[in-house]
Amino acid sequence: MPLFQEIDLSTYTGGQIVAIAPGSVAAKAGLQAGDELLAINGSPVEDVIDVQFYAAEEELTLTVRRGGEVMTVSAKRRYNQQLGLEFSHPTFDTDIRRCTNLCEFCFVLQMAPRFRRTLYIKDDDYRYSFLFGHYVTLTNLSEHDWWRIENMHLSPLYVSVHVTDWEARRSYLRNKTAPDILEQLRWLGERGIEVHTQIVVTPEVNDGALLEQSINDLAELWPTVQSVSVVPVGLTKQHKYNMRTHTKEEAAVTLDYVESLQAKFLEKFGVRFVYPTDEWYLVTDRTVPQLDAYDGQELHENGLGMVRNFLDEWEEVRKEIGDWRLENDDQSPISNLQSLTLVTGALFAPILRETAVQFQALTGTQITVREIKNEKLGGTITVAGLLMGADVLEQLKGSELGDLTLLPRVMFDHPDRIALDDISPQDIANQLGKPIILADTMGDVWDALIGASQVIYQPGTPAGNHIPLKLIPPDELENNQHFS
């Protein structure tokens, strides 16, 4: 690592500070929002990992740029005390490291035209893997990157393997220079770095014998490789190559095979090691496993255990509704809201419909589940998180939506709370003329019904504003039969 004095400060990009925690080390040192952190104890910082690593000392020298002038301040910290800095981006040298592969199944390459620019960025940044659990291919790392992984002990990492056979992987990634992934994983294991892996399975490409080989090769690297998530390929209607998605029968064969391995690995490792994502169960109409089948692995972002979490949470909400009934007059109305519309994608719709029937029976509130087809990306894209605001508007306009419409929160998983096509919940509320609430679980639906939701988007409200849901007391229901 070069010393700080060797860095040309006139061109070096540090971390832009946007907020400082009151009473923190940084606040006591006199740092301000707008400062640019360049170095800690003479070592340049290129991301928040560097900040955490170099700020572990008790005596700190912080070099910052303020108003074009470079200045140095001293600070002291107690053991395990954080600096208290918030940055505009977690990485300072560049927003995110770009992918050098050209995978035919890459979702970015299948994106429909005329969306926001960031949707066309192929990210493959090992730092985001360590910080946020993003899966990366390890095909674009420099010697400096490997040095950081080793010396900063960046563990665990999340790695997209797809296929372990070297030549098959190069072909699958469409990258003739992709290194041997097994050699890379062994290198990480020798340094105590743990890895969670994933295999995106494409019919007639990396399934069958190649899938069997890949899982066996990765199992040989236990405990370096902590898990293998098996994911079905997703293809939009913009897909330009000859790949295809699984038939229901093929999905069942793959699911049977992966599940058949779990007992062997459970006996050998104490964990099931290889985990099929929820989608395999939904497309084959099978019951998703109980949570203990995931052995405590935190792999929800990769689609493992999300449905089971939803169902288990619903059981808790059922008890909460029962307790509410016991504490109140069982015949009294729960809310002035008489009907709700729940919106989701095609994949989750059957689960949500079944749950909604139970919710309606318990509460007496009419529940309608609306399944939205993804017209922009195509009917093969069925998850709620990739729904478009325009599709929701087009398919709900003119419909009887009842008193309140609940949209999947994951659909607006963006810092600005907008869908993939830049449409916000407030836009949808305004155009439908109906109040909108975002929901993840049936607990959110219950909160909406009893007026406990934190945010509601009322029609006619300027974008960016939201108004608390106001319930009408039961004694006023005779003259106020509908939410307004």
Protein backbone atom coordinates (compact mmCIF):
# COMPACT_ATOMS: atom_id res chain seq x y z
CA MET A 1 0.00 0.00 0.00
CA PRO A 2 1.56 3.35 -0.98
CA LEU A 3 2.08 5.94 1.72
CA PHE A 4 -0.27 8.91 1.75
CA GLN A 5 2.56 11.29 0.87
CA GLU A 6 2.89 9.54 -2.50
CA ILE A 7 -0.69 10.40 -3.45
CA ASP A 8 -1.30 13.46 -5.63
CA LEU A 9 -4.00 15.20 -3.59
CA SER A 10 -4.97 17.43 -6.49
CA THR A 11 -6.35 14.41 -8.36
CA TYR A 12 -7.16 11.99 -5.52
CA THR A 13 -10.85 11.34 -4.89
CA GLY A 14 -11.82 10.72 -1.28
CA GLY A 15 -15.13 10.11 0.44
CA GLN A 16 -17.71 12.89 0.33
CA ILE A 17 -19.14 13.27 3.84
CA VAL A 18 -22.88 13.96 3.88
CA ALA A 19 -23.65 13.59 7.61
CA ILE A 20 -21.88 13.32 10.94
CA ALA A 21 -23.36 11.67 14.03
CA PRO A 22 -23.68 14.14 16.93
CA GLY A 23 -21.15 13.53 19.67
CA SER A 24 -19.16 11.10 17.52
CA VAL A 25 -15.38 10.95 17.05
CA ALA A 26 -15.72 12.83 13.76
CA ALA A 27 -17.91 15.52 15.32
CA LYS A 28 -15.46 16.10 18.18
CA ALA A 29 -12.63 16.31 15.63
CA GLY A 30 -14.45 19.15 13.89
CA LEU A 31 -15.31 17.40 10.64
CA GLN A 32 -18.27 18.80 8.72
CA ALA A 33 -20.77 17.63 6.15
CA GLY A 34 -19.31 18.55 2.79
CA ASP A 35 -15.75 17.63 3.78
CA GLU A 36 -13.95 15.04 1.68
CA LEU A 37 -12.07 12.41 3.68
CA LEU A 38 -8.80 11.62 1.89
CA ALA A 39 -6.71 9.58 4.32
CA ILE A 40 -6.53 8.10 7.81
CA ASN A 41 -3.14 7.90 9.53
CA GLY A 42 -1.44 8.54 6.19
CA SER A 43 -3.24 5.78 4.32
CA PRO A 44 -5.54 6.85 1.47
CA VAL A 45 -9.16 5.71 1.71
CA GLU A 46 -10.94 4.51 -1.41
CA ASP A 47 -14.14 3.22 0.21
CA VAL A 48 -15.89 2.67 3.54
CA ILE A 49 -13.95 -0.59 3.97
CA ASP A 50 -10.73 1.43 4.15
CA VAL A 51 -12.36 3.82 6.61
CA GLN A 52 -13.38 0.95 8.91
CA PHE A 53 -9.98 -0.72 8.59
CA TYR A 54 -7.69 2.27 9.10
CA ALA A 55 -9.90 3.91 11.73
CA ALA A 56 -9.47 0.92 14.07
CA GLU A 57 -6.57 2.69 15.82
CA GLU A 58 -7.10 4.71 18.99
CA GLU A 59 -5.02 7.66 17.77
CA LEU A 60 -6.20 9.01 14.42
CA THR A 61 -4.93 11.60 11.98
CA LEU A 62 -7.67 12.48 9.49
CA THR A 63 -6.78 14.25 6.26
CA VAL A 64 -9.68 16.03 4.59
CA ARG A 65 -10.33 18.48 1.78
CA ARG A 66 -12.57 21.41 2.68
CA GLY A 67 -13.35 24.09 0.15
CA GLY A 68 -10.41 23.06 -2.00
CA GLU A 69 -7.95 23.20 0.91
CA VAL A 70 -6.32 20.07 2.36
CA MET A 71 -6.18 19.98 6.14
CA THR A 72 -5.27 17.48 8.86
CA VAL A 73 -7.06 16.98 12.17
CA SER A 74 -6.37 14.65 15.09
CA ALA A 75 -8.88 12.48 16.90
CA LYS A 76 -9.05 9.83 19.59
CA ARG A 77 -11.44 6.91 19.72
CA ARG A 78 -12.35 4.26 22.24
CA TYR A 79 -12.24 0.57 21.42
CA ASN A 80 -15.08 -0.41 19.06
CA GLN A 81 -16.20 3.23 18.68
CA GLN A 82 -17.19 4.25 15.16
CA LEU A 83 -16.09 7.49 13.49
CA GLY A 84 -19.69 8.53 12.97
CA LEU A 85 -19.40 9.41 9.28
CA GLU A 86 -21.97 8.96 6.53
CA PHE A 87 -20.74 9.16 2.93
CA SER A 88 -22.55 9.93 -0.31
CA HIS A 89 -21.34 6.58 -1.72
CA PRO A 90 -19.76 3.54 -0.08
CA THR A 91 -17.02 3.57 -2.73
CA PHE A 92 -15.00 6.73 -3.38
CA ASP A 93 -12.77 5.99 -6.37
CA THR A 94 -15.73 4.98 -8.56
CA ASP A 95 -19.43 4.49 -7.96
CA ILE A 96 -19.27 0.74 -8.63
CA ARG A 97 -16.92 -1.67 -10.41
CA ARG A 98 -18.23 -2.74 -13.81
CA CYS A 99 -18.59 -6.33 -15.00
CA THR A 100 -16.30 -7.54 -17.81
CA ASN A 101 -18.41 -10.59 -18.70
CA LEU A 102 -21.07 -10.84 -21.41
CA CYS A 103 -23.32 -13.53 -19.95
CA GLU A 104 -26.21 -14.28 -22.28
CA PHE A 105 -28.57 -14.48 -19.29
CA CYS A 106 -27.37 -11.15 -17.82
CA PHE A 107 -30.43 -9.21 -16.77
CA VAL A 108 -28.83 -5.89 -17.69
CA LEU A 109 -28.35 -7.05 -21.28
CA GLN A 110 -32.03 -8.05 -21.33
CA MET A 111 -33.33 -4.75 -19.99
CA ALA A 112 -36.02 -2.98 -21.97
CA PRO A 113 -35.03 0.37 -23.53
CA ARG A 114 -35.63 3.86 -22.16
CA PHE A 115 -35.38 3.15 -18.45
CA ARG A 116 -33.16 5.08 -16.06
CA ARG A 117 -29.45 4.96 -16.86
CA THR A 118 -28.37 3.02 -13.77
CA LEU A 119 -30.37 -0.05 -14.86
CA TYR A 120 -27.93 -0.56 -17.72
CA ILE A 121 -24.83 -0.68 -15.47
CA LYS A 122 -23.39 -4.17 -15.07
CA ASP A 123 -21.98 -4.21 -11.55
CA ASP A 124 -19.43 -6.77 -10.42
CA ASP A 125 -17.77 -5.11 -7.42
CA TYR A 126 -16.17 -7.31 -4.74
CA ARG A 127 -16.57 -4.47 -2.23
CA TYR A 128 -20.35 -4.51 -2.63
CA SER A 129 -20.15 -8.27 -2.21
CA PHE A 130 -18.52 -7.87 1.20
CA LEU A 131 -20.61 -4.88 2.27
CA PHE A 132 -24.05 -5.80 0.96
CA GLY A 133 -23.99 -9.46 -0.10
CA HIS A 134 -24.00 -8.80 -3.87
CA TYR A 135 -22.90 -11.80 -5.92
CA VAL A 136 -19.78 -11.22 -8.04
CA THR A 137 -17.80 -13.38 -10.47
CA LEU A 138 -14.23 -12.56 -9.31
CA THR A 139 -13.20 -12.03 -12.95
CA ASN A 140 -12.15 -8.37 -12.77
CA LEU A 141 -9.92 -8.17 -9.68
CA SER A 142 -6.49 -6.54 -9.67
CA GLU A 143 -3.52 -7.52 -7.50
CA HIS A 144 -4.44 -4.60 -5.25
CA ASP A 145 -7.97 -5.99 -4.86
CA TRP A 146 -6.66 -9.42 -3.84
CA TRP A 147 -4.26 -7.72 -1.42
CA ARG A 148 -7.17 -5.93 0.23
CA ILE A 149 -9.30 -9.08 0.44
CA GLU A 150 -6.45 -10.90 2.17
CA ASN A 151 -5.12 -8.17 4.46
CA MET A 152 -8.50 -6.71 5.43
CA HIS A 153 -9.99 -10.20 5.70
CA LEU A 154 -13.08 -9.40 3.64
CA SER A 155 -15.21 -12.35 4.68
CA PRO A 156 -17.67 -13.62 3.73
CA LEU A 157 -17.82 -12.91 -0.01
CA TYR A 158 -20.71 -13.86 -2.30
CA VAL A 159 -19.63 -15.41 -5.59
CA SER A 160 -21.51 -16.27 -8.78
CA VAL A 161 -19.93 -19.56 -9.88
CA HIS A 162 -22.58 -20.90 -12.29
CA VAL A 163 -20.33 -23.74 -13.44
CA THR A 164 -16.98 -24.94 -12.10
CA ASP A 165 -15.58 -26.50 -15.27
CA TRP A 166 -13.09 -23.86 -16.41
CA GLU A 167 -13.84 -23.87 -20.13
CA ALA A 168 -17.58 -24.24 -19.59
CA ARG A 169 -17.51 -21.26 -17.23
CA ARG A 170 -15.61 -19.13 -19.73
CA SER A 171 -18.22 -20.01 -22.32
CA TYR A 172 -21.13 -19.35 -19.91
CA LEU A 173 -19.69 -15.96 -18.93
CA ARG A 174 -18.58 -15.26 -22.51
CA ASN A 175 -15.21 -14.26 -21.12
CA LYS A 176 -12.18 -16.01 -22.64
CA THR A 177 -9.89 -14.71 -19.90
CA ALA A 178 -12.00 -15.69 -16.89
CA PRO A 179 -9.69 -17.33 -14.32
CA ASP A 180 -10.20 -20.75 -12.78
CA ILE A 181 -12.87 -20.20 -10.13
CA LEU A 182 -11.82 -23.28 -8.14
CA GLU A 183 -8.27 -21.98 -7.89
CA GLN A 184 -9.60 -18.62 -6.71
CA LEU A 185 -11.81 -20.24 -4.08
CA ARG A 186 -8.90 -22.34 -2.81
CA TRP A 187 -6.79 -19.18 -2.52
CA LEU A 188 -9.55 -17.55 -0.45
CA GLY A 189 -9.84 -20.62 1.75
CA GLU A 190 -6.12 -20.66 2.48
CA ARG A 191 -6.56 -17.17 3.90
CA GLY A 192 -9.64 -17.94 5.96
CA ILE A 193 -12.09 -16.13 3.66
CA GLU A 194 -15.52 -17.81 3.59
CA VAL A 195 -17.70 -17.74 0.48
CA HIS A 196 -21.38 -18.13 -0.32
CA THR A 197 -21.87 -19.20 -3.93
CA GLN A 198 -24.69 -19.30 -6.43
CA ILE A 199 -25.38 -21.26 -9.60
CA VAL A 200 -27.87 -19.77 -12.06
CA VAL A 201 -29.10 -22.86 -13.90
CA THR A 202 -30.00 -22.64 -17.58
CA PRO A 203 -31.63 -25.65 -19.28
CA GLU A 204 -29.29 -27.54 -21.63
CA VAL A 205 -26.41 -25.21 -20.78
CA ASN A 206 -25.11 -25.80 -17.24
CA ASP A 207 -27.61 -28.29 -15.86
CA GLY A 208 -27.38 -32.09 -15.81
CA ALA A 209 -23.83 -33.42 -15.53
CA LEU A 210 -22.32 -29.93 -15.30
CA LEU A 211 -24.59 -29.01 -12.39
CA GLU A 212 -23.68 -32.25 -10.63
CA GLN A 213 -19.96 -31.58 -11.16
CA SER A 214 -20.26 -27.98 -9.99
CA ILE A 215 -22.00 -28.89 -6.73
CA ASN A 216 -19.54 -31.69 -6.03
CA ASP A 217 -16.54 -29.44 -6.76
CA LEU A 218 -17.87 -26.77 -4.43
CA ALA A 219 -18.62 -29.33 -1.72
CA GLU A 220 -14.96 -30.38 -1.86
CA LEU A 221 -14.12 -26.83 -0.75
CA TRP A 222 -16.22 -26.90 2.43
CA PRO A 223 -15.94 -25.02 4.80
CA THR A 224 -14.48 -22.28 2.58
CA VAL A 225 -17.64 -22.57 0.51
CA GLN A 226 -20.42 -22.22 3.04
CA SER A 227 -23.40 -22.56 0.73
CA VAL A 228 -24.56 -23.06 -2.84
CA SER A 229 -27.77 -21.30 -3.90
CA VAL A 230 -29.36 -22.90 -6.96
CA VAL A 231 -31.29 -20.31 -8.95
CA PRO A 232 -33.43 -20.77 -12.10
CA VAL A 233 -32.47 -18.54 -15.02
CA GLY A 234 -34.72 -15.56 -15.70
CA LEU A 235 -35.17 -14.28 -19.25
CA THR A 236 -37.03 -11.21 -20.42
CA LYS A 237 -38.70 -10.83 -23.82
CA GLN A 238 -35.66 -8.75 -24.85
CA HIS A 239 -33.42 -11.84 -24.59
CA LYS A 240 -31.49 -12.08 -27.87
CA TYR A 241 -29.86 -15.49 -27.59
CA ASN A 242 -31.08 -19.06 -27.67
CA MET A 243 -31.50 -19.67 -23.97
CA ARG A 244 -34.85 -20.64 -22.50
CA THR A 245 -36.41 -20.97 -19.09
CA HIS A 246 -37.27 -24.27 -17.41
CA THR A 247 -40.46 -26.11 -18.11
CA LYS A 248 -42.42 -27.12 -15.02
CA GLU A 249 -41.24 -30.70 -15.53
CA GLU A 250 -37.58 -29.66 -15.81
CA ALA A 251 -37.89 -27.49 -12.72
CA ALA A 252 -39.28 -30.47 -10.81
CA VAL A 253 -36.35 -32.66 -11.90
CA THR A 254 -33.82 -30.05 -10.80
CA LEU A 255 -35.60 -29.49 -7.50
CA ASP A 256 -35.73 -33.24 -6.81
CA TYR A 257 -32.00 -33.55 -7.53
CA VAL A 258 -30.96 -30.65 -5.31
CA GLU A 259 -33.18 -31.81 -2.45
CA SER A 260 -31.76 -35.33 -2.76
CA LEU A 261 -28.28 -33.95 -2.03
CA GLN A 262 -29.29 -32.14 1.12
CA ALA A 263 -29.54 -35.21 3.36
CA LYS A 264 -26.05 -36.32 2.33
CA PHE A 265 -24.54 -32.91 3.03
CA LEU A 266 -26.46 -32.56 6.29
CA GLU A 267 -24.90 -35.78 7.54
CA LYS A 268 -21.43 -34.80 6.28
CA PHE A 269 -21.29 -31.08 7.12
CA GLY A 270 -24.09 -30.56 9.63
CA VAL A 271 -25.86 -28.27 7.14
CA ARG A 272 -27.69 -28.93 3.88
CA PHE A 273 -25.09 -26.86 1.99
CA VAL A 274 -27.04 -26.63 -1.29
CA TYR A 275 -30.29 -24.67 -1.31
CA PRO A 276 -32.91 -24.25 -4.06
CA THR A 277 -34.44 -20.77 -4.17
CA ASP A 278 -38.14 -20.27 -3.50
CA GLU A 279 -38.97 -19.97 -7.19
CA TRP A 280 -38.39 -23.69 -7.79
CA TYR A 281 -41.15 -24.50 -5.28
CA LEU A 282 -43.57 -21.91 -6.60
CA VAL A 283 -43.29 -22.91 -10.27
CA THR A 284 -43.73 -26.59 -9.38
CA ASP A 285 -46.64 -25.91 -6.99
CA ARG A 286 -44.80 -27.44 -4.04
CA THR A 287 -44.81 -26.39 -0.41
CA VAL A 288 -41.81 -24.26 0.52
CA PRO A 289 -39.61 -25.72 3.27
CA GLN A 290 -39.68 -24.69 6.90
CA LEU A 291 -37.08 -22.10 7.93
CA ASP A 292 -34.86 -24.65 9.65
CA ALA A 293 -34.23 -26.15 6.20
CA TYR A 294 -32.01 -23.14 5.51
CA ASP A 295 -29.75 -23.85 8.50
CA GLY A 296 -29.72 -20.23 9.63
CA GLN A 297 -28.13 -19.05 6.38
CA GLU A 298 -28.91 -15.38 5.71
CA LEU A 299 -29.63 -15.76 2.01
CA HIS A 300 -33.02 -14.05 1.76
CA GLU A 301 -31.73 -11.51 -0.76
CA ASN A 302 -31.04 -14.41 -3.10
CA GLY A 303 -34.62 -15.63 -2.83
CA LEU A 304 -34.22 -18.32 -0.19
CA GLY A 305 -36.78 -18.53 2.60
CA MET A 306 -38.66 -15.34 1.72
CA VAL A 307 -41.95 -17.15 1.16
CA ARG A 308 -41.57 -19.16 4.36
CA ASN A 309 -40.83 -15.95 6.26
CA PHE A 310 -44.03 -14.48 4.81
CA LEU A 311 -46.10 -17.50 5.83
CA ASP A 312 -44.60 -17.71 9.32
CA GLU A 313 -45.19 -14.01 9.87
CA TRP A 314 -48.81 -14.52 8.78
CA GLU A 315 -49.27 -17.10 11.54
CA GLU A 316 -48.14 -14.48 14.05
CA VAL A 317 -50.55 -11.93 12.57
CA ARG A 318 -53.41 -14.45 12.82
CA LYS A 319 -52.74 -14.66 16.55
CA GLU A 320 -52.59 -10.87 16.79
CA ILE A 321 -55.97 -10.56 15.07
CA GLY A 322 -57.41 -13.17 17.43
CA ASP A 323 -56.06 -11.30 20.44
CA TRP A 324 -57.58 -8.07 19.09
CA ARG A 325 -60.95 -9.81 18.79
CA LEU A 326 -60.75 -11.02 22.38
CA GLU A 327 -59.86 -7.56 23.70
CA ASN A 328 -62.62 -5.83 21.75
CA ASP A 329 -66.26 -6.47 21.07
CA ASP A 330 -66.15 -9.37 18.64
CA GLN A 331 -69.02 -7.87 16.67
CA SER A 332 -67.58 -4.38 16.38
CA PRO A 333 -66.08 -3.33 13.04
CA ILE A 334 -62.28 -3.41 12.97
CA SER A 335 -61.99 -0.43 10.67
CA ASN A 336 -63.84 1.99 8.45
CA LEU A 337 -62.03 0.29 5.55
CA GLN A 338 -64.37 -2.25 4.01
CA SER A 339 -62.29 -3.49 1.09
CA LEU A 340 -58.61 -3.71 0.19
CA THR A 341 -56.78 -4.52 -3.04
CA LEU A 342 -53.44 -6.34 -2.80
CA VAL A 343 -51.15 -6.14 -5.84
CA THR A 344 -48.42 -8.66 -6.68
CA GLY A 345 -46.68 -10.48 -9.52
CA ALA A 346 -47.77 -13.75 -11.10
CA LEU A 347 -45.28 -15.92 -9.21
CA PHE A 348 -46.47 -15.01 -5.72
CA ALA A 349 -50.15 -14.48 -6.55
CA PRO A 350 -51.35 -18.00 -5.59
CA ILE A 351 -49.73 -17.77 -2.15
CA LEU A 352 -51.13 -14.28 -1.58
CA ARG A 353 -54.64 -15.30 -2.70
CA GLU A 354 -54.72 -18.21 -0.27
CA THR A 355 -53.54 -15.98 2.56
CA ALA A 356 -55.97 -13.21 1.62
CA VAL A 357 -58.91 -15.62 1.90
CA GLN A 358 -57.87 -16.44 5.45
CA PHE A 359 -57.36 -12.76 6.28
CA GLN A 360 -60.81 -11.90 4.93
CA ALA A 361 -62.43 -14.66 7.00
CA LEU A 362 -60.78 -13.37 10.18
CA THR A 363 -61.42 -9.66 9.66
CA GLY A 364 -64.57 -9.49 7.58
CA THR A 365 -62.79 -7.11 5.22
CA GLN A 366 -63.14 -7.84 1.52
CA ILE A 367 -59.71 -8.59 0.02
CA THR A 368 -59.01 -8.66 -3.71
CA VAL A 369 -55.65 -9.85 -5.05
CA ARG A 370 -54.65 -8.34 -8.38
CA GLU A 371 -51.97 -10.17 -10.35
CA ILE A 372 -50.04 -7.78 -12.59
CA LYS A 373 -48.46 -9.01 -15.81
CA ASN A 374 -45.06 -7.55 -16.65
CA GLU A 375 -45.73 -6.24 -20.15
CA LYS A 376 -42.46 -4.34 -20.50
CA LEU A 377 -40.14 -7.25 -19.65
CA GLY A 378 -42.46 -10.05 -20.72
CA GLY A 379 -44.64 -12.72 -19.18
CA THR A 380 -41.65 -14.83 -18.11
CA ILE A 381 -40.72 -12.17 -15.55
CA THR A 382 -43.17 -12.89 -12.76
CA VAL A 383 -41.60 -11.55 -9.54
CA ALA A 384 -43.13 -8.56 -7.77
CA GLY A 385 -39.84 -6.74 -7.41
CA LEU A 386 -39.59 -6.23 -11.18
CA LEU A 387 -43.11 -4.92 -11.73
CA MET A 388 -43.44 -1.64 -13.61
CA GLY A 389 -45.45 1.30 -12.37
CA ALA A 390 -46.91 1.75 -15.86
CA ASP A 391 -48.16 -1.86 -15.89
CA VAL A 392 -49.79 -1.39 -12.48
CA LEU A 393 -51.53 1.77 -13.69
CA GLU A 394 -52.65 0.29 -16.99
CA GLN A 395 -54.01 -2.91 -15.44
CA LEU A 396 -55.71 -1.25 -12.46
CA LYS A 397 -57.27 1.77 -14.18
CA GLY A 398 -61.02 1.50 -14.38
CA SER A 399 -61.11 -1.33 -11.84
CA GLU A 400 -63.04 -1.35 -8.59
CA LEU A 401 -60.16 -1.01 -6.13
CA GLY A 402 -62.05 -0.62 -2.90
CA ASP A 403 -60.96 1.71 -0.12
CA LEU A 404 -57.20 1.15 -0.19
CA THR A 405 -54.65 -0.42 -2.53
CA LEU A 406 -51.46 -2.04 -1.24
CA LEU A 407 -48.47 -2.37 -3.56
CA PRO A 408 -45.40 -4.57 -2.95
CA ARG A 409 -42.74 -2.46 -1.23
CA VAL A 410 -39.98 -4.36 -3.05
CA MET A 411 -41.29 -2.89 -6.30
CA PHE A 412 -39.94 0.48 -5.13
CA ASP A 413 -36.62 -0.74 -3.75
CA HIS A 414 -34.69 2.40 -4.73
CA PRO A 415 -33.36 5.30 -2.62
CA ASP A 416 -35.88 7.60 -4.31
CA ARG A 417 -38.68 5.04 -3.81
CA ILE A 418 -39.47 4.64 -7.50
CA ALA A 419 -40.19 1.60 -9.65
CA LEU A 420 -37.92 0.48 -12.49
CA ASP A 421 -39.71 2.87 -14.86
CA ASP A 422 -39.29 5.84 -12.46
CA ILE A 423 -42.94 5.86 -11.39
CA SER A 424 -43.48 6.49 -7.68
CA PRO A 425 -46.27 5.31 -5.34
CA GLN A 426 -47.49 8.90 -5.24
CA ASP A 427 -47.73 8.95 -9.04
CA ILE A 428 -49.85 5.79 -8.89
CA ALA A 429 -52.08 7.22 -6.15
CA ASN A 430 -52.60 10.42 -8.13
CA GLN A 431 -53.40 8.67 -11.41
CA LEU A 432 -55.68 6.04 -9.88
CA GLY A 433 -57.35 8.54 -7.56
CA LYS A 434 -56.98 6.04 -4.71
CA PRO A 435 -54.83 5.95 -1.57
CA ILE A 436 -51.77 3.71 -1.78
CA ILE A 437 -49.76 1.90 0.92
CA LEU A 438 -46.61 -0.18 0.44
CA ALA A 439 -46.50 -3.62 2.06
CA ASP A 440 -44.12 -6.54 2.55
CA THR A 441 -46.18 -8.82 4.77
CA MET A 442 -49.70 -9.51 6.00
CA GLY A 443 -48.68 -7.61 9.11
CA ASP A 444 -48.48 -4.55 6.87
CA VAL A 445 -51.99 -5.33 5.60
CA TRP A 446 -53.25 -5.59 9.19
CA ASP A 447 -51.53 -2.31 10.07
CA ALA A 448 -53.23 -0.66 7.10
CA LEU A 449 -56.59 -1.96 8.24
CA ILE A 450 -56.28 -0.68 11.82
CA GLY A 451 -54.63 2.62 10.89
CA ALA A 452 -51.12 1.81 12.09
CA SER A 453 -49.36 2.33 8.76
CA GLN A 454 -46.60 4.92 8.94
CA VAL A 455 -46.99 6.17 5.37
CA ILE A 456 -49.96 6.53 3.05
CA TYR A 457 -49.91 8.13 -0.40
CA GLN A 458 -53.09 10.13 -0.83
CA PRO A 459 -54.32 11.07 -4.32
CA GLY A 460 -53.81 14.72 -5.16
CA THR A 461 -50.73 15.01 -2.96
CA PRO A 462 -47.54 16.41 -4.57
CA ALA A 463 -44.88 13.77 -5.23
CA GLY A 464 -42.64 13.16 -2.23
CA ASN A 465 -45.32 13.89 0.37
CA HIS A 466 -47.31 11.37 2.38
CA ILE A 467 -50.06 11.79 4.93
CA PRO A 468 -50.79 9.54 7.93
CA LEU A 469 -53.84 7.33 7.49
CA LYS A 470 -56.75 8.71 9.51
CA LEU A 471 -59.31 6.19 10.69
CA ILE A 472 -62.93 7.02 11.34
CA PRO A 473 -64.07 6.00 14.83
CA PRO A 474 -66.61 3.13 14.91
CA ASP A 475 -69.32 5.42 16.31
CA GLU A 476 -69.09 7.55 13.15
CA LEU A 477 -69.31 4.63 10.72
CA GLU A 478 -73.01 5.03 9.98
CA ASN A 479 -72.39 8.23 8.02
CA ASN A 480 -68.93 7.28 6.72
CA GLN A 481 -69.09 3.91 5.07
CA HIS A 482 -65.99 4.35 2.90
CA PHE A 483 -62.43 5.53 3.49
CA SER A 484 -61.81 8.96 2.08
